[in-house]
Amino acid sequence: MVLGNVSRVTEFILLGLPDTRELQVLFFTFFFLAYAMVLLGNLLIIVTVRTDPKLSSPMYFLLCNLSFIDICYTSVTSPRMLADLLSRKKAIAFEDCIVQLFFLHFFGASEMFLLTVMTYDRYTAICKPLHYTAIMSRQVCWALVLACWAGGFLHSIVQTLLTIQLPFCGPNTIDNYFCDVPPVIRLACTDIYVTEWLIASNSGLVSLVCFFVLVGSYTFILVTVRVRLTEGHWKALSTCASHMMVVTLFFVPCIFIYLQPFSTFPSDKHIYVIPTVFSPVMNPFIYTLRSNEVKASMRRLWKRCRAF
């Protein structure tokens, strides 16, 4: 492809994966098992919640949506990375790179917004229990989830448009195992100062604002619960603590990656593993599988399956 008199990049070479065969096998095994755990764990949660009427509360409705987003989010990068670990030439076409970049931010931003909504759900359940059913009705839950998806799409389309308007005429090597905005725009053959600040303010501020809202909400919950420590509130405190663990795993790396000009950011592909692999693996265990109610539902599901 030619842009004016300048040859335009048609593919990117991904250099974030190991070169030696032994390390490739080791990494393939690790990421394959992690991806399988994400798929199986989250699919189990979705099936359990959808088939058990006892799990019809807003919290489990939102958790079911979180599991679906985690499957989509991890599937943007993991299958391609596993295929690249088995191939000699680790290249991705320019168009495929942009598509991967778009869906990475689409699902990632949607998850950020959904985690924020889930915090609001916990705040309502703990601090306003008498009005919880009325506030978090099924119509409200659907509206909040659709708003999360719409916000993720808007965020991602802005990131993508800011990226594709840049000229890429070489080099074409990315020191990462997938396409993301910071390593891609560093390859643009033009001054990216304004673009990188626009993108950093978009991604970085979205991450930072959502994180502060989450921390503020959980702090308010802790202050409210402190004066009425019944058995139910101790359970709520445990739930909030586990949720904060997930929030920290997901948001802190994103803030670190995006909230600064990309030209000054040292390439560290290892940071990306936390939000794209480790956090989706942990979500089913921290959010759902610790719940006695969910485990009881899974046992009932298992008994029904055995009956057939």
C-alpha atoms as a PDB file:
ATOM      1  CA  MET A   1       0.000   0.000   0.000  1.00  0.00           C
ATOM      2  CA  VAL A   2       1.344   3.467  -0.899  1.00  0.00           C
ATOM      3  CA  LEU A   3       0.568   6.758   0.789  1.00  0.00           C
ATOM      4  CA  GLY A   4       1.715   9.581  -1.481  1.00  0.00           C
ATOM      5  CA  ASN A   5       5.358   8.795  -2.213  1.00  0.00           C
ATOM      6  CA  VAL A   6       5.784   6.905   1.061  1.00  0.00           C
ATOM      7  CA  SER A   7       5.335   3.140   1.388  1.00  0.00           C
ATOM      8  CA  ARG A   8       2.769   2.360   4.072  1.00  0.00           C
ATOM      9  CA  VAL A   9       3.235  -0.472   6.560  1.00  0.00           C
ATOM     10  CA  THR A  10       1.037  -3.463   5.692  1.00  0.00           C
ATOM     11  CA  GLU A  11       1.923  -5.666   8.671  1.00  0.00           C
ATOM     12  CA  PHE A  12       3.505  -5.527  12.116  1.00  0.00           C
ATOM     13  CA  ILE A  13       6.012  -7.997  13.562  1.00  0.00           C
ATOM     14  CA  LEU A  14       5.305  -8.923  17.199  1.00  0.00           C
ATOM     15  CA  LEU A  15       8.549  -9.269  19.162  1.00  0.00           C
ATOM     16  CA  GLY A  16       7.048  -9.703  22.621  1.00  0.00           C
ATOM     17  CA  LEU A  17       7.147 -13.511  22.482  1.00  0.00           C
ATOM     18  CA  PRO A  18      10.209 -15.665  23.269  1.00  0.00           C
ATOM     19  CA  ASP A  19      12.448 -16.922  20.456  1.00  0.00           C
ATOM     20  CA  THR A  20      13.719 -20.206  21.908  1.00  0.00           C
ATOM     21  CA  ARG A  21      11.610 -23.341  21.418  1.00  0.00           C
ATOM     22  CA  GLU A  22      11.766 -24.335  25.080  1.00  0.00           C
ATOM     23  CA  LEU A  23      10.403 -20.986  26.266  1.00  0.00           C
ATOM     24  CA  GLN A  24       7.743 -21.012  23.551  1.00  0.00           C
ATOM     25  CA  VAL A  25       6.475 -24.380  24.794  1.00  0.00           C
ATOM     26  CA  LEU A  26       6.533 -23.161  28.388  1.00  0.00           C
ATOM     27  CA  PHE A  27       4.671 -19.945  27.549  1.00  0.00           C
ATOM     28  CA  PHE A  28       2.183 -21.809  25.345  1.00  0.00           C
ATOM     29  CA  THR A  29       1.365 -24.216  28.184  1.00  0.00           C
ATOM     30  CA  PHE A  30       0.948 -21.409  30.718  1.00  0.00           C
ATOM     31  CA  PHE A  31      -1.228 -19.170  28.542  1.00  0.00           C
ATOM     32  CA  PHE A  32      -3.266 -22.101  27.200  1.00  0.00           C
ATOM     33  CA  LEU A  33      -4.111 -23.228  30.740  1.00  0.00           C
ATOM     34  CA  ALA A  34      -4.892 -19.637  31.767  1.00  0.00           C
ATOM     35  CA  TYR A  35      -7.172 -19.140  28.754  1.00  0.00           C
ATOM     36  CA  ALA A  36      -8.909 -22.470  29.408  1.00  0.00           C
ATOM     37  CA  MET A  37      -9.501 -21.442  33.033  1.00  0.00           C
ATOM     38  CA  VAL A  38     -11.008 -18.132  31.901  1.00  0.00           C
ATOM     39  CA  LEU A  39     -13.346 -19.852  29.445  1.00  0.00           C
ATOM     40  CA  LEU A  40     -14.417 -22.713  31.702  1.00  0.00           C
ATOM     41  CA  GLY A  41     -14.704 -20.657  34.895  1.00  0.00           C
ATOM     42  CA  ASN A  42     -16.724 -17.850  33.356  1.00  0.00           C
ATOM     43  CA  LEU A  43     -18.909 -20.138  31.236  1.00  0.00           C
ATOM     44  CA  LEU A  44     -19.712 -22.130  34.380  1.00  0.00           C
ATOM     45  CA  ILE A  45     -20.745 -18.926  36.148  1.00  0.00           C
ATOM     46  CA  ILE A  46     -22.938 -17.816  33.238  1.00  0.00           C
ATOM     47  CA  VAL A  47     -24.692 -21.194  32.989  1.00  0.00           C
ATOM     48  CA  THR A  48     -25.177 -21.402  36.759  1.00  0.00           C
ATOM     49  CA  VAL A  49     -26.646 -17.917  37.064  1.00  0.00           C
ATOM     50  CA  ARG A  50     -28.865 -18.297  34.002  1.00  0.00           C
ATOM     51  CA  THR A  51     -30.314 -21.663  35.089  1.00  0.00           C
ATOM     52  CA  ASP A  52     -30.900 -21.041  38.807  1.00  0.00           C
ATOM     53  CA  PRO A  53     -33.836 -18.746  39.752  1.00  0.00           C
ATOM     54  CA  LYS A  54     -32.278 -18.286  43.199  1.00  0.00           C
ATOM     55  CA  LEU A  55     -29.474 -16.296  41.576  1.00  0.00           C
ATOM     56  CA  SER A  56     -31.759 -13.692  40.034  1.00  0.00           C
ATOM     57  CA  SER A  57     -30.588 -10.748  42.150  1.00  0.00           C
ATOM     58  CA  PRO A  58     -29.004  -7.683  40.462  1.00  0.00           C
ATOM     59  CA  MET A  59     -25.575  -8.639  41.832  1.00  0.00           C
ATOM     60  CA  TYR A  60     -25.554 -11.973  39.987  1.00  0.00           C
ATOM     61  CA  PHE A  61     -26.999 -10.386  36.858  1.00  0.00           C
ATOM     62  CA  LEU A  62     -24.031  -8.005  36.807  1.00  0.00           C
ATOM     63  CA  LEU A  63     -21.581 -10.818  37.620  1.00  0.00           C
ATOM     64  CA  CYS A  64     -22.949 -12.787  34.682  1.00  0.00           C
ATOM     65  CA  ASN A  65     -22.240  -9.825  32.410  1.00  0.00           C
ATOM     66  CA  LEU A  66     -18.753  -9.469  33.895  1.00  0.00           C
ATOM     67  CA  SER A  67     -18.044 -13.119  33.072  1.00  0.00           C
ATOM     68  CA  PHE A  68     -19.158 -12.578  29.475  1.00  0.00           C
ATOM     69  CA  ILE A  69     -16.943  -9.499  29.104  1.00  0.00           C
ATOM     70  CA  ASP A  70     -13.975 -11.379  30.596  1.00  0.00           C
ATOM     71  CA  ILE A  71     -14.382 -14.128  28.002  1.00  0.00           C
ATOM     72  CA  CYS A  72     -14.522 -11.578  25.179  1.00  0.00           C
ATOM     73  CA  TYR A  73     -11.667  -9.468  26.581  1.00  0.00           C
ATOM     74  CA  THR A  74      -9.272 -12.394  26.927  1.00  0.00           C
ATOM     75  CA  SER A  75     -10.306 -13.835  23.557  1.00  0.00           C
ATOM     76  CA  VAL A  76      -9.101 -10.668  21.822  1.00  0.00           C
ATOM     77  CA  THR A  77      -5.447 -11.490  22.581  1.00  0.00           C
ATOM     78  CA  SER A  78      -5.036 -15.083  23.817  1.00  0.00           C
ATOM     79  CA  PRO A  79      -5.957 -17.162  20.692  1.00  0.00           C
ATOM     80  CA  ARG A  80      -3.730 -15.035  18.466  1.00  0.00           C
ATOM     81  CA  MET A  81      -0.869 -15.197  20.978  1.00  0.00           C
ATOM     82  CA  LEU A  82      -1.166 -18.994  21.264  1.00  0.00           C
ATOM     83  CA  ALA A  83      -1.080 -19.313  17.459  1.00  0.00           C
ATOM     84  CA  ASP A  84       1.979 -17.042  17.259  1.00  0.00           C
ATOM     85  CA  LEU A  85       3.809 -19.192  19.821  1.00  0.00           C
ATOM     86  CA  LEU A  86       3.475 -22.114  17.390  1.00  0.00           C
ATOM     87  CA  SER A  87       4.450 -20.181  14.240  1.00  0.00           C
ATOM     88  CA  ARG A  88       7.802 -19.012  12.942  1.00  0.00           C
ATOM     89  CA  LYS A  89       6.754 -15.596  11.636  1.00  0.00           C
ATOM     90  CA  LYS A  90       4.901 -13.669  14.327  1.00  0.00           C
ATOM     91  CA  ALA A  91       3.283 -11.087  12.064  1.00  0.00           C
ATOM     92  CA  ILE A  92      -0.131  -9.440  12.080  1.00  0.00           C
ATOM     93  CA  ALA A  93      -1.678  -7.528   9.175  1.00  0.00           C
ATOM     94  CA  PHE A  94      -2.192  -3.794   9.679  1.00  0.00           C
ATOM     95  CA  GLU A  95      -5.983  -4.134   9.432  1.00  0.00           C
ATOM     96  CA  ASP A  96      -6.040  -7.053  11.887  1.00  0.00           C
ATOM     97  CA  CYS A  97      -3.887  -5.050  14.290  1.00  0.00           C
ATOM     98  CA  ILE A  98      -6.364  -2.163  14.242  1.00  0.00           C
ATOM     99  CA  VAL A  99      -9.291  -4.546  14.766  1.00  0.00           C
ATOM    100  CA  GLN A 100      -7.510  -6.150  17.721  1.00  0.00           C
ATOM    101  CA  LEU A 101      -6.738  -2.729  19.162  1.00  0.00           C
ATOM    102  CA  PHE A 102     -10.377  -1.660  18.797  1.00  0.00           C
ATOM    103  CA  PHE A 103     -11.870  -4.702  20.548  1.00  0.00           C
ATOM    104  CA  LEU A 104      -9.204  -4.644  23.267  1.00  0.00           C
ATOM    105  CA  HIS A 105     -10.283  -1.146  24.290  1.00  0.00           C
ATOM    106  CA  PHE A 106     -13.966  -1.845  23.659  1.00  0.00           C
ATOM    107  CA  PHE A 107     -14.125  -4.769  26.083  1.00  0.00           C
ATOM    108  CA  GLY A 108     -11.548  -3.289  28.465  1.00  0.00           C
ATOM    109  CA  ALA A 109     -13.402   0.013  28.875  1.00  0.00           C
ATOM    110  CA  SER A 110     -16.753  -1.803  29.125  1.00  0.00           C
ATOM    111  CA  GLU A 111     -15.333  -3.868  31.992  1.00  0.00           C
ATOM    112  CA  MET A 112     -14.095  -0.741  33.748  1.00  0.00           C
ATOM    113  CA  PHE A 113     -17.538   0.817  33.580  1.00  0.00           C
ATOM    114  CA  LEU A 114     -19.208  -2.433  34.654  1.00  0.00           C
ATOM    115  CA  LEU A 115     -16.942  -2.760  37.696  1.00  0.00           C
ATOM    116  CA  THR A 116     -17.964   0.788  38.621  1.00  0.00           C
ATOM    117  CA  VAL A 117     -21.649  -0.134  38.255  1.00  0.00           C
ATOM    118  CA  MET A 118     -21.094  -3.209  40.421  1.00  0.00           C
ATOM    119  CA  THR A 119     -19.678  -0.972  43.129  1.00  0.00           C
ATOM    120  CA  TYR A 120     -22.825   1.151  42.957  1.00  0.00           C
ATOM    121  CA  ASP A 121     -24.853  -2.050  43.307  1.00  0.00           C
ATOM    122  CA  ARG A 122     -22.939  -3.017  46.471  1.00  0.00           C
ATOM    123  CA  TYR A 123     -23.277   0.518  47.847  1.00  0.00           C
ATOM    124  CA  THR A 124     -27.049   0.418  47.316  1.00  0.00           C
ATOM    125  CA  ALA A 125     -27.401  -3.070  48.821  1.00  0.00           C
ATOM    126  CA  ILE A 126     -25.383  -2.224  51.949  1.00  0.00           C
ATOM    127  CA  CYS A 127     -26.178   1.430  52.568  1.00  0.00           C
ATOM    128  CA  LYS A 128     -29.798   1.522  51.330  1.00  0.00           C
ATOM    129  CA  PRO A 129     -31.081  -2.038  51.841  1.00  0.00           C
ATOM    130  CA  LEU A 130     -34.762  -1.027  52.166  1.00  0.00           C
ATOM    131  CA  HIS A 131     -34.722   0.691  48.765  1.00  0.00           C
ATOM    132  CA  TYR A 132     -32.371  -1.759  47.045  1.00  0.00           C
ATOM    133  CA  THR A 133     -35.006  -3.683  45.066  1.00  0.00           C
ATOM    134  CA  ALA A 134     -36.643  -0.491  43.813  1.00  0.00           C
ATOM    135  CA  ILE A 135     -33.352   1.236  42.913  1.00  0.00           C
ATOM    136  CA  MET A 136     -31.726  -1.777  41.235  1.00  0.00           C
ATOM    137  CA  SER A 137     -34.722  -3.041  39.293  1.00  0.00           C
ATOM    138  CA  ARG A 138     -34.191  -5.289  36.270  1.00  0.00           C
ATOM    139  CA  GLN A 139     -34.891  -2.357  33.926  1.00  0.00           C
ATOM    140  CA  VAL A 140     -32.281  -0.233  35.698  1.00  0.00           C
ATOM    141  CA  CYS A 141     -29.754  -3.074  35.571  1.00  0.00           C
ATOM    142  CA  TRP A 142     -30.237  -3.509  31.830  1.00  0.00           C
ATOM    143  CA  ALA A 143     -29.929   0.241  31.296  1.00  0.00           C
ATOM    144  CA  LEU A 144     -26.679   0.356  33.302  1.00  0.00           C
ATOM    145  CA  VAL A 145     -25.190  -2.608  31.421  1.00  0.00           C
ATOM    146  CA  LEU A 146     -26.115  -1.107  28.038  1.00  0.00           C
ATOM    147  CA  ALA A 147     -24.572   2.190  29.148  1.00  0.00           C
ATOM    148  CA  CYS A 148     -21.341   0.304  29.986  1.00  0.00           C
ATOM    149  CA  TRP A 149     -21.234  -1.214  26.491  1.00  0.00           C
ATOM    150  CA  ALA A 150     -22.038   2.140  24.875  1.00  0.00           C
ATOM    151  CA  GLY A 151     -19.324   3.859  26.921  1.00  0.00           C
ATOM    152  CA  GLY A 152     -16.815   1.170  25.956  1.00  0.00           C
ATOM    153  CA  PHE A 153     -17.680   1.561  22.275  1.00  0.00           C
ATOM    154  CA  LEU A 154     -17.370   5.357  22.390  1.00  0.00           C
ATOM    155  CA  HIS A 155     -14.039   5.153  24.190  1.00  0.00           C
ATOM    156  CA  SER A 156     -12.681   2.550  21.764  1.00  0.00           C
ATOM    157  CA  ILE A 157     -13.799   4.314  18.592  1.00  0.00           C
ATOM    158  CA  VAL A 158     -12.008   7.494  19.722  1.00  0.00           C
ATOM    159  CA  GLN A 159      -8.798   5.528  20.424  1.00  0.00           C
ATOM    160  CA  THR A 160      -9.002   3.754  17.072  1.00  0.00           C
ATOM    161  CA  LEU A 161      -9.688   6.882  15.014  1.00  0.00           C
ATOM    162  CA  LEU A 162      -6.802   8.726  16.666  1.00  0.00           C
ATOM    163  CA  THR A 163      -4.522   5.789  15.793  1.00  0.00           C
ATOM    164  CA  ILE A 164      -5.471   5.098  12.175  1.00  0.00           C
ATOM    165  CA  GLN A 165      -5.153   8.757  11.132  1.00  0.00           C
ATOM    166  CA  LEU A 166      -1.383   8.496  11.739  1.00  0.00           C
ATOM    167  CA  PRO A 167       0.973   7.573   8.861  1.00  0.00           C
ATOM    168  CA  PHE A 168       2.944   4.329   9.339  1.00  0.00           C
ATOM    169  CA  CYS A 169       5.877   3.964   6.965  1.00  0.00           C
ATOM    170  CA  GLY A 170       8.292   1.928   9.131  1.00  0.00           C
ATOM    171  CA  PRO A 171       9.669   0.478  11.320  1.00  0.00           C
ATOM    172  CA  ASN A 172       7.018  -2.174  11.880  1.00  0.00           C
ATOM    173  CA  THR A 173       8.239  -4.135  14.927  1.00  0.00           C
ATOM    174  CA  ILE A 174       6.130  -4.110  18.133  1.00  0.00           C
ATOM    175  CA  ASP A 175       7.757  -5.198  21.389  1.00  0.00           C
ATOM    176  CA  ASN A 176       4.574  -6.790  22.679  1.00  0.00           C
ATOM    177  CA  TYR A 177       2.519  -9.942  22.145  1.00  0.00           C
ATOM    178  CA  PHE A 178      -0.527  -8.067  20.782  1.00  0.00           C
ATOM    179  CA  CYS A 179      -1.473  -4.703  19.302  1.00  0.00           C
ATOM    180  CA  ASP A 180      -2.275  -1.852  21.665  1.00  0.00           C
ATOM    181  CA  VAL A 181      -2.258   1.902  21.249  1.00  0.00           C
ATOM    182  CA  PRO A 182       1.033   2.799  23.057  1.00  0.00           C
ATOM    183  CA  PRO A 183       3.382   0.470  21.130  1.00  0.00           C
ATOM    184  CA  VAL A 184       1.578   1.043  17.804  1.00  0.00           C
ATOM    185  CA  ILE A 185       1.534   4.841  17.706  1.00  0.00           C
ATOM    186  CA  ARG A 186       5.219   4.943  18.660  1.00  0.00           C
ATOM    187  CA  LEU A 187       5.847   3.519  15.167  1.00  0.00           C
ATOM    188  CA  ALA A 188       4.132   6.423  13.381  1.00  0.00           C
ATOM    189  CA  CYS A 189       6.461   8.357  11.080  1.00  0.00           C
ATOM    190  CA  THR A 190       5.265  11.758  12.269  1.00  0.00           C
ATOM    191  CA  ASP A 191       5.182  13.853  15.416  1.00  0.00           C
ATOM    192  CA  ILE A 192       2.719  12.163  17.798  1.00  0.00           C
ATOM    193  CA  TYR A 193       2.950  14.614  20.716  1.00  0.00           C
ATOM    194  CA  VAL A 194      -0.622  15.902  20.425  1.00  0.00           C
ATOM    195  CA  THR A 195      -2.065  12.483  19.556  1.00  0.00           C
ATOM    196  CA  GLU A 196      -0.395  10.702  22.446  1.00  0.00           C
ATOM    197  CA  TRP A 197      -1.651  13.300  24.915  1.00  0.00           C
ATOM    198  CA  LEU A 198      -5.179  12.988  23.538  1.00  0.00           C
ATOM    199  CA  ILE A 199      -5.045   9.195  23.789  1.00  0.00           C
ATOM    200  CA  ALA A 200      -3.393   9.235  27.216  1.00  0.00           C
ATOM    201  CA  SER A 201      -5.977  11.659  28.551  1.00  0.00           C
ATOM    202  CA  ASN A 202      -8.728   9.440  27.166  1.00  0.00           C
ATOM    203  CA  SER A 203      -7.542   6.010  28.372  1.00  0.00           C
ATOM    204  CA  GLY A 204      -5.618   7.200  31.401  1.00  0.00           C
ATOM    205  CA  LEU A 205      -8.321   9.500  32.733  1.00  0.00           C
ATOM    206  CA  VAL A 206     -11.058   6.910  32.182  1.00  0.00           C
ATOM    207  CA  SER A 207      -9.028   4.416  34.235  1.00  0.00           C
ATOM    208  CA  LEU A 208      -8.118   6.940  36.917  1.00  0.00           C
ATOM    209  CA  VAL A 209     -11.613   8.422  37.342  1.00  0.00           C
ATOM    210  CA  CYS A 210     -13.266   4.997  37.525  1.00  0.00           C
ATOM    211  CA  PHE A 211     -10.637   3.839  40.020  1.00  0.00           C
ATOM    212  CA  PHE A 212     -11.175   6.863  42.289  1.00  0.00           C
ATOM    213  CA  VAL A 213     -14.950   6.392  42.097  1.00  0.00           C
ATOM    214  CA  LEU A 214     -14.519   2.758  43.092  1.00  0.00           C
ATOM    215  CA  VAL A 215     -12.154   3.524  45.974  1.00  0.00           C
ATOM    216  CA  GLY A 216     -14.407   6.357  47.171  1.00  0.00           C
ATOM    217  CA  SER A 217     -17.489   4.137  47.039  1.00  0.00           C
ATOM    218  CA  TYR A 218     -15.866   1.305  48.966  1.00  0.00           C
ATOM    219  CA  THR A 219     -14.497   3.779  51.514  1.00  0.00           C
ATOM    220  CA  PHE A 220     -17.996   5.168  52.018  1.00  0.00           C
ATOM    221  CA  ILE A 221     -19.338   1.621  52.402  1.00  0.00           C
ATOM    222  CA  LEU A 222     -16.704   0.817  55.044  1.00  0.00           C
ATOM    223  CA  VAL A 223     -17.506   3.985  56.982  1.00  0.00           C
ATOM    224  CA  THR A 224     -21.227   3.186  56.860  1.00  0.00           C
ATOM    225  CA  VAL A 225     -20.813  -0.450  57.887  1.00  0.00           C
ATOM    226  CA  ARG A 226     -18.396   0.332  60.716  1.00  0.00           C
ATOM    227  CA  VAL A 227     -21.203   1.372  63.070  1.00  0.00           C
ATOM    228  CA  ARG A 228     -23.393  -1.706  62.458  1.00  0.00           C
ATOM    229  CA  LEU A 229     -21.232  -4.803  62.374  1.00  0.00           C
ATOM    230  CA  THR A 230     -23.821  -7.569  62.223  1.00  0.00           C
ATOM    231  CA  GLU A 231     -23.062 -10.949  60.660  1.00  0.00           C
ATOM    232  CA  GLY A 232     -24.500  -9.779  57.341  1.00  0.00           C
ATOM    233  CA  HIS A 233     -22.317  -6.691  57.342  1.00  0.00           C
ATOM    234  CA  TRP A 234     -19.206  -8.755  58.066  1.00  0.00           C
ATOM    235  CA  LYS A 235     -20.095 -10.744  54.950  1.00  0.00           C
ATOM    236  CA  ALA A 236     -20.491  -7.474  53.037  1.00  0.00           C
ATOM    237  CA  LEU A 237     -17.059  -6.339  54.222  1.00  0.00           C
ATOM    238  CA  SER A 238     -15.537  -9.604  52.982  1.00  0.00           C
ATOM    239  CA  THR A 239     -17.251  -9.152  49.616  1.00  0.00           C
ATOM    240  CA  CYS A 240     -16.011  -5.559  49.290  1.00  0.00           C
ATOM    241  CA  ALA A 241     -12.469  -6.605  50.180  1.00  0.00           C
ATOM    242  CA  SER A 242     -12.424  -9.282  47.459  1.00  0.00           C
ATOM    243  CA  HIS A 243     -13.901  -6.833  44.948  1.00  0.00           C
ATOM    244  CA  MET A 244     -11.193  -4.288  45.746  1.00  0.00           C
ATOM    245  CA  MET A 245      -8.586  -6.957  45.023  1.00  0.00           C
ATOM    246  CA  VAL A 246      -9.987  -7.419  41.512  1.00  0.00           C
ATOM    247  CA  VAL A 247     -10.277  -3.666  40.993  1.00  0.00           C
ATOM    248  CA  THR A 248      -6.635  -3.152  41.985  1.00  0.00           C
ATOM    249  CA  LEU A 249      -5.406  -5.949  39.704  1.00  0.00           C
ATOM    250  CA  PHE A 250      -7.294  -4.527  36.752  1.00  0.00           C
ATOM    251  CA  PHE A 251      -7.053  -0.759  37.165  1.00  0.00           C
ATOM    252  CA  VAL A 252      -3.547  -0.111  38.519  1.00  0.00           C
ATOM    253  CA  PRO A 253      -1.717  -1.616  35.496  1.00  0.00           C
ATOM    254  CA  CYS A 254      -4.053   0.260  33.127  1.00  0.00           C
ATOM    255  CA  ILE A 255      -3.381   3.551  34.909  1.00  0.00           C
ATOM    256  CA  PHE A 256       0.361   2.850  34.832  1.00  0.00           C
ATOM    257  CA  ILE A 257       0.300   2.005  31.094  1.00  0.00           C
ATOM    258  CA  TYR A 258      -1.950   4.768  29.767  1.00  0.00           C
ATOM    259  CA  LEU A 259      -1.702   7.792  32.060  1.00  0.00           C
ATOM    260  CA  GLN A 260       1.488   9.228  30.558  1.00  0.00           C
ATOM    261  CA  PRO A 261       2.891  10.162  27.159  1.00  0.00           C
ATOM    262  CA  PHE A 262       3.705   6.942  25.335  1.00  0.00           C
ATOM    263  CA  SER A 263       6.985   8.179  23.886  1.00  0.00           C
ATOM    264  CA  THR A 264       8.448   8.338  27.420  1.00  0.00           C
ATOM    265  CA  PHE A 265       6.981   5.004  28.522  1.00  0.00           C
ATOM    266  CA  PRO A 266       9.501   2.140  28.687  1.00  0.00           C
ATOM    267  CA  SER A 267       8.213  -0.891  26.823  1.00  0.00           C
ATOM    268  CA  ASP A 268       7.286  -3.493  29.432  1.00  0.00           C
ATOM    269  CA  LYS A 269       5.092  -6.193  27.975  1.00  0.00           C
ATOM    270  CA  HIS A 270       4.972  -8.046  31.288  1.00  0.00           C
ATOM    271  CA  ILE A 271       2.626  -5.413  32.748  1.00  0.00           C
ATOM    272  CA  TYR A 272       0.019  -6.258  30.112  1.00  0.00           C
ATOM    273  CA  VAL A 273      -0.259  -9.829  31.404  1.00  0.00           C
ATOM    274  CA  ILE A 274      -1.958  -8.644  34.621  1.00  0.00           C
ATOM    275  CA  PRO A 275      -5.132  -7.032  33.159  1.00  0.00           C
ATOM    276  CA  THR A 276      -5.396  -9.241  30.042  1.00  0.00           C
ATOM    277  CA  VAL A 277      -4.662 -12.675  31.548  1.00  0.00           C
ATOM    278  CA  PHE A 278      -4.227 -12.741  35.316  1.00  0.00           C
ATOM    279  CA  SER A 279      -7.224 -10.577  36.248  1.00  0.00           C
ATOM    280  CA  PRO A 280      -9.761 -12.510  34.074  1.00  0.00           C
ATOM    281  CA  VAL A 281      -8.442 -15.768  35.562  1.00  0.00           C
ATOM    282  CA  MET A 282      -8.944 -14.492  39.110  1.00  0.00           C
ATOM    283  CA  ASN A 283     -12.382 -12.891  38.590  1.00  0.00           C
ATOM    284  CA  PRO A 284     -14.432 -16.134  38.763  1.00  0.00           C
ATOM    285  CA  PHE A 285     -12.689 -17.187  41.976  1.00  0.00           C
ATOM    286  CA  ILE A 286     -12.787 -13.826  43.739  1.00  0.00           C
ATOM    287  CA  TYR A 287     -16.220 -12.601  42.666  1.00  0.00           C
ATOM    288  CA  THR A 288     -18.322 -15.729  42.453  1.00  0.00           C
ATOM    289  CA  LEU A 289     -16.775 -19.077  43.376  1.00  0.00           C
ATOM    290  CA  ARG A 290     -16.159 -17.928  46.977  1.00  0.00           C
ATOM    291  CA  SER A 291     -19.914 -17.532  47.442  1.00  0.00           C
ATOM    292  CA  ASN A 292     -21.646 -20.383  49.270  1.00  0.00           C
ATOM    293  CA  GLU A 293     -24.827 -19.517  47.395  1.00  0.00           C
ATOM    294  CA  VAL A 294     -23.129 -19.958  44.028  1.00  0.00           C
ATOM    295  CA  LYS A 295     -21.399 -23.172  45.083  1.00  0.00           C
ATOM    296  CA  ALA A 296     -24.732 -24.579  46.246  1.00  0.00           C
ATOM    297  CA  SER A 297     -26.257 -23.659  42.866  1.00  0.00           C
ATOM    298  CA  MET A 298     -23.382 -25.361  41.062  1.00  0.00           C
ATOM    299  CA  ARG A 299     -23.959 -28.529  43.079  1.00  0.00           C
ATOM    300  CA  ARG A 300     -27.628 -28.464  42.126  1.00  0.00           C
ATOM    301  CA  LEU A 301     -26.638 -27.935  38.470  1.00  0.00           C
ATOM    302  CA  TRP A 302     -24.249 -30.885  38.658  1.00  0.00           C
ATOM    303  CA  LYS A 303     -26.963 -33.119  40.121  1.00  0.00           C
ATOM    304  CA  ARG A 304     -29.375 -32.128  37.330  1.00  0.00           C
ATOM    305  CA  CYS A 305     -26.722 -32.893  34.706  1.00  0.00           C
ATOM    306  CA  ARG A 306     -26.015 -36.304  36.247  1.00  0.00           C
ATOM    307  CA  ALA A 307     -29.739 -37.067  36.295  1.00  0.00           C
ATOM    308  CA  PHE A 308     -29.775 -36.860  32.491  1.00  0.00           C
END
